[in-house]
Amino acid sequence: MRLLLDTSTLLWWLDGDPKLGAAARAAIATPENEVFVSSASAWEISVKRTSGKLDAPFDIAGALERNYFIELPIEIAHAITAGELPPHHKDPFDRMLVAQAQTEDLTLVAGDAEIAKYDVELLDARE
């Protein structure tokens, strides 16, 4: 399975937060699965940390490396797809993650009910 973690899921994983459900935790921990993290998540963490809205790790790149997660850069195709999505969700970071999951044929691991409105393979992070 090829997974794309949304920002909350990534932070729950890194913090060992019990909000991350057993099924999602098992999928992320399965060595055969490829786990991707978008550069949009690093951007979101940085923006929210700088504004004081989030207490999060400073070394996101190191955290990805230690967990064997694969960095997913934002490409032009992702940006175009994100811009063309129906307006179910207003958060531009989440819209980018949906676009990347669609474009790259990834299962998005997220706990946001609004994301389920999109045509995207979804694994509920709370399960």
C-alpha atoms as a PDB file:
ATOM      1  CA  MET A   1       0.000   0.000   0.000  1.00  0.00           C
ATOM      2  CA  ARG A   2       1.149   3.538  -0.737  1.00  0.00           C
ATOM      3  CA  LEU A   3       0.095   5.983   1.969  1.00  0.00           C
ATOM      4  CA  LEU A   4       0.120   9.777   2.149  1.00  0.00           C
ATOM      5  CA  LEU A   5      -0.085  11.098   5.712  1.00  0.00           C
ATOM      6  CA  ASP A   6      -1.989  14.292   6.306  1.00  0.00           C
ATOM      7  CA  THR A   7      -0.386  16.781   8.675  1.00  0.00           C
ATOM      8  CA  SER A   8      -2.357  15.792  11.774  1.00  0.00           C
ATOM      9  CA  THR A   9      -1.675  12.110  11.144  1.00  0.00           C
ATOM     10  CA  LEU A  10       2.035  12.816  10.802  1.00  0.00           C
ATOM     11  CA  LEU A  11       2.096  14.751  14.067  1.00  0.00           C
ATOM     12  CA  TRP A  12       0.065  12.085  15.872  1.00  0.00           C
ATOM     13  CA  TRP A  13       2.538   9.443  14.655  1.00  0.00           C
ATOM     14  CA  LEU A  14       5.587  11.446  15.688  1.00  0.00           C
ATOM     15  CA  ASP A  15       4.094  12.232  19.128  1.00  0.00           C
ATOM     16  CA  GLY A  16       2.745   8.726  19.754  1.00  0.00           C
ATOM     17  CA  ASP A  17      -0.651  10.391  20.176  1.00  0.00           C
ATOM     18  CA  PRO A  18      -3.522   8.009  20.994  1.00  0.00           C
ATOM     19  CA  LYS A  19      -5.738   9.945  18.539  1.00  0.00           C
ATOM     20  CA  LEU A  20      -4.050   7.878  15.840  1.00  0.00           C
ATOM     21  CA  GLY A  21      -6.169   4.743  15.566  1.00  0.00           C
ATOM     22  CA  ALA A  22      -4.854   1.198  15.671  1.00  0.00           C
ATOM     23  CA  ALA A  23      -5.592   0.409  12.004  1.00  0.00           C
ATOM     24  CA  ALA A  24      -3.877   3.575  10.774  1.00  0.00           C
ATOM     25  CA  ARG A  25      -0.929   3.033  13.130  1.00  0.00           C
ATOM     26  CA  ALA A  26      -0.543  -0.544  11.871  1.00  0.00           C
ATOM     27  CA  ALA A  27      -0.694   0.551   8.224  1.00  0.00           C
ATOM     28  CA  ILE A  28       1.994   3.185   8.794  1.00  0.00           C
ATOM     29  CA  ALA A  29       4.192   0.721  10.700  1.00  0.00           C
ATOM     30  CA  THR A  30       3.946  -2.043   8.086  1.00  0.00           C
ATOM     31  CA  PRO A  31       7.380  -2.198   6.425  1.00  0.00           C
ATOM     32  CA  GLU A  32       5.923  -3.247   3.051  1.00  0.00           C
ATOM     33  CA  ASN A  33       3.906  -0.023   2.839  1.00  0.00           C
ATOM     34  CA  GLU A  34       5.429   3.095   1.335  1.00  0.00           C
ATOM     35  CA  VAL A  35       4.660   6.122   3.505  1.00  0.00           C
ATOM     36  CA  PHE A  36       4.792   9.567   1.916  1.00  0.00           C
ATOM     37  CA  VAL A  37       4.732  12.994   3.533  1.00  0.00           C
ATOM     38  CA  SER A  38       3.992  16.041   1.416  1.00  0.00           C
ATOM     39  CA  SER A  39       6.130  19.124   1.457  1.00  0.00           C
ATOM     40  CA  ALA A  40       2.767  20.859   2.007  1.00  0.00           C
ATOM     41  CA  SER A  41       2.696  19.297   5.494  1.00  0.00           C
ATOM     42  CA  ALA A  42       6.162  20.610   6.291  1.00  0.00           C
ATOM     43  CA  TRP A  43       5.028  24.034   5.073  1.00  0.00           C
ATOM     44  CA  GLU A  44       1.839  23.876   7.190  1.00  0.00           C
ATOM     45  CA  ILE A  45       3.768  22.819  10.301  1.00  0.00           C
ATOM     46  CA  SER A  46       6.287  25.603   9.789  1.00  0.00           C
ATOM     47  CA  VAL A  47       3.598  28.268   9.269  1.00  0.00           C
ATOM     48  CA  LYS A  48       1.595  27.191  12.317  1.00  0.00           C
ATOM     49  CA  ARG A  49       4.679  26.763  14.514  1.00  0.00           C
ATOM     50  CA  THR A  50       5.962  30.228  13.599  1.00  0.00           C
ATOM     51  CA  SER A  51       2.566  31.798  14.329  1.00  0.00           C
ATOM     52  CA  GLY A  52       2.441  30.097  17.735  1.00  0.00           C
ATOM     53  CA  LYS A  53      -0.566  27.924  16.829  1.00  0.00           C
ATOM     54  CA  LEU A  54       1.374  24.666  16.986  1.00  0.00           C
ATOM     55  CA  ASP A  55       4.094  23.113  19.088  1.00  0.00           C
ATOM     56  CA  ALA A  56       5.775  20.724  16.663  1.00  0.00           C
ATOM     57  CA  PRO A  57       9.205  19.289  15.865  1.00  0.00           C
ATOM     58  CA  PHE A  58      11.666  21.677  14.279  1.00  0.00           C
ATOM     59  CA  ASP A  59      13.507  18.977  12.330  1.00  0.00           C
ATOM     60  CA  ILE A  60      10.751  17.623  10.117  1.00  0.00           C
ATOM     61  CA  ALA A  61      13.238  16.392   7.505  1.00  0.00           C
ATOM     62  CA  GLY A  62      15.104  14.439  10.185  1.00  0.00           C
ATOM     63  CA  ALA A  63      11.861  13.004  11.530  1.00  0.00           C
ATOM     64  CA  LEU A  64      10.923  11.788   8.049  1.00  0.00           C
ATOM     65  CA  GLU A  65      14.322  10.192   7.592  1.00  0.00           C
ATOM     66  CA  ARG A  66      14.244   8.461  11.002  1.00  0.00           C
ATOM     67  CA  ASN A  67      10.825   7.011  10.188  1.00  0.00           C
ATOM     68  CA  TYR A  68      11.742   6.011   6.611  1.00  0.00           C
ATOM     69  CA  PHE A  69       9.006   8.253   5.219  1.00  0.00           C
ATOM     70  CA  ILE A  70       9.303   9.459   1.627  1.00  0.00           C
ATOM     71  CA  GLU A  71       9.198  13.175   0.865  1.00  0.00           C
ATOM     72  CA  LEU A  72       6.574  14.120  -1.723  1.00  0.00           C
ATOM     73  CA  PRO A  73       7.333  17.467  -3.372  1.00  0.00           C
ATOM     74  CA  ILE A  74       4.593  19.677  -4.779  1.00  0.00           C
ATOM     75  CA  GLU A  75       4.575  19.519  -8.563  1.00  0.00           C
ATOM     76  CA  ILE A  76       2.744  21.605 -11.154  1.00  0.00           C
ATOM     77  CA  ALA A  77       0.250  18.774 -11.796  1.00  0.00           C
ATOM     78  CA  HIS A  78      -0.567  18.711  -8.077  1.00  0.00           C
ATOM     79  CA  ALA A  79      -1.143  22.463  -8.021  1.00  0.00           C
ATOM     80  CA  ILE A  80      -3.430  22.342 -11.055  1.00  0.00           C
ATOM     81  CA  THR A  81      -5.442  19.457  -9.615  1.00  0.00           C
ATOM     82  CA  ALA A  82      -5.751  21.211  -6.229  1.00  0.00           C
ATOM     83  CA  GLY A  83      -7.032  24.338  -7.942  1.00  0.00           C
ATOM     84  CA  GLU A  84      -9.655  22.377  -9.867  1.00  0.00           C
ATOM     85  CA  LEU A  85     -11.057  20.465  -6.873  1.00  0.00           C
ATOM     86  CA  PRO A  86     -14.655  21.132  -5.847  1.00  0.00           C
ATOM     87  CA  PRO A  87     -14.809  23.540  -2.885  1.00  0.00           C
ATOM     88  CA  HIS A  88     -15.676  20.899  -0.258  1.00  0.00           C
ATOM     89  CA  HIS A  89     -12.725  21.942   1.868  1.00  0.00           C
ATOM     90  CA  LYS A  90     -11.390  25.464   2.330  1.00  0.00           C
ATOM     91  CA  ASP A  91      -7.976  24.541   3.791  1.00  0.00           C
ATOM     92  CA  PRO A  92      -5.399  24.893   0.978  1.00  0.00           C
ATOM     93  CA  PHE A  93      -3.007  22.432   2.651  1.00  0.00           C
ATOM     94  CA  ASP A  94      -5.668  19.712   2.787  1.00  0.00           C
ATOM     95  CA  ARG A  95      -6.735  20.433  -0.775  1.00  0.00           C
ATOM     96  CA  MET A  96      -3.109  19.957  -1.866  1.00  0.00           C
ATOM     97  CA  LEU A  97      -2.920  16.629  -0.035  1.00  0.00           C
ATOM     98  CA  VAL A  98      -6.102  15.444  -1.762  1.00  0.00           C
ATOM     99  CA  ALA A  99      -4.687  16.515  -5.129  1.00  0.00           C
ATOM    100  CA  GLN A 100      -1.408  14.734  -4.479  1.00  0.00           C
ATOM    101  CA  ALA A 101      -3.176  11.555  -3.379  1.00  0.00           C
ATOM    102  CA  GLN A 102      -5.338  11.621  -6.506  1.00  0.00           C
ATOM    103  CA  THR A 103      -2.478  12.409  -8.878  1.00  0.00           C
ATOM    104  CA  GLU A 104      -0.019   9.901  -7.380  1.00  0.00           C
ATOM    105  CA  ASP A 105      -2.591   7.153  -6.679  1.00  0.00           C
ATOM    106  CA  LEU A 106      -1.968   7.215  -2.920  1.00  0.00           C
ATOM    107  CA  THR A 107      -4.223   6.354  -0.001  1.00  0.00           C
ATOM    108  CA  LEU A 108      -4.628   9.474   2.113  1.00  0.00           C
ATOM    109  CA  VAL A 109      -4.462   8.811   5.852  1.00  0.00           C
ATOM    110  CA  ALA A 110      -6.538  11.566   7.446  1.00  0.00           C
ATOM    111  CA  GLY A 111      -9.088  12.101  10.175  1.00  0.00           C
ATOM    112  CA  ASP A 112     -10.916  15.028   8.569  1.00  0.00           C
ATOM    113  CA  ALA A 113     -14.516  14.245   7.568  1.00  0.00           C
ATOM    114  CA  GLU A 114     -14.470  16.966   4.876  1.00  0.00           C
ATOM    115  CA  ILE A 115     -11.751  15.094   2.979  1.00  0.00           C
ATOM    116  CA  ALA A 116     -14.083  12.097   2.604  1.00  0.00           C
ATOM    117  CA  LYS A 117     -16.227  14.250   0.279  1.00  0.00           C
ATOM    118  CA  TYR A 118     -13.499  14.035  -2.379  1.00  0.00           C
ATOM    119  CA  ASP A 119     -12.887  11.212  -4.816  1.00  0.00           C
ATOM    120  CA  VAL A 120      -9.799   9.937  -3.027  1.00  0.00           C
ATOM    121  CA  GLU A 121      -8.791   6.643  -1.455  1.00  0.00           C
ATOM    122  CA  LEU A 122      -8.977   7.317   2.268  1.00  0.00           C
ATOM    123  CA  LEU A 123      -7.863   5.534   5.428  1.00  0.00           C
ATOM    124  CA  ASP A 124      -9.426   7.130   8.512  1.00  0.00           C
ATOM    125  CA  ALA A 125      -6.543   8.083  10.814  1.00  0.00           C
ATOM    126  CA  ARG A 126      -8.813   7.723  13.854  1.00  0.00           C
ATOM    127  CA  GLU A 127      -9.519   4.034  13.193  1.00  0.00           C
END
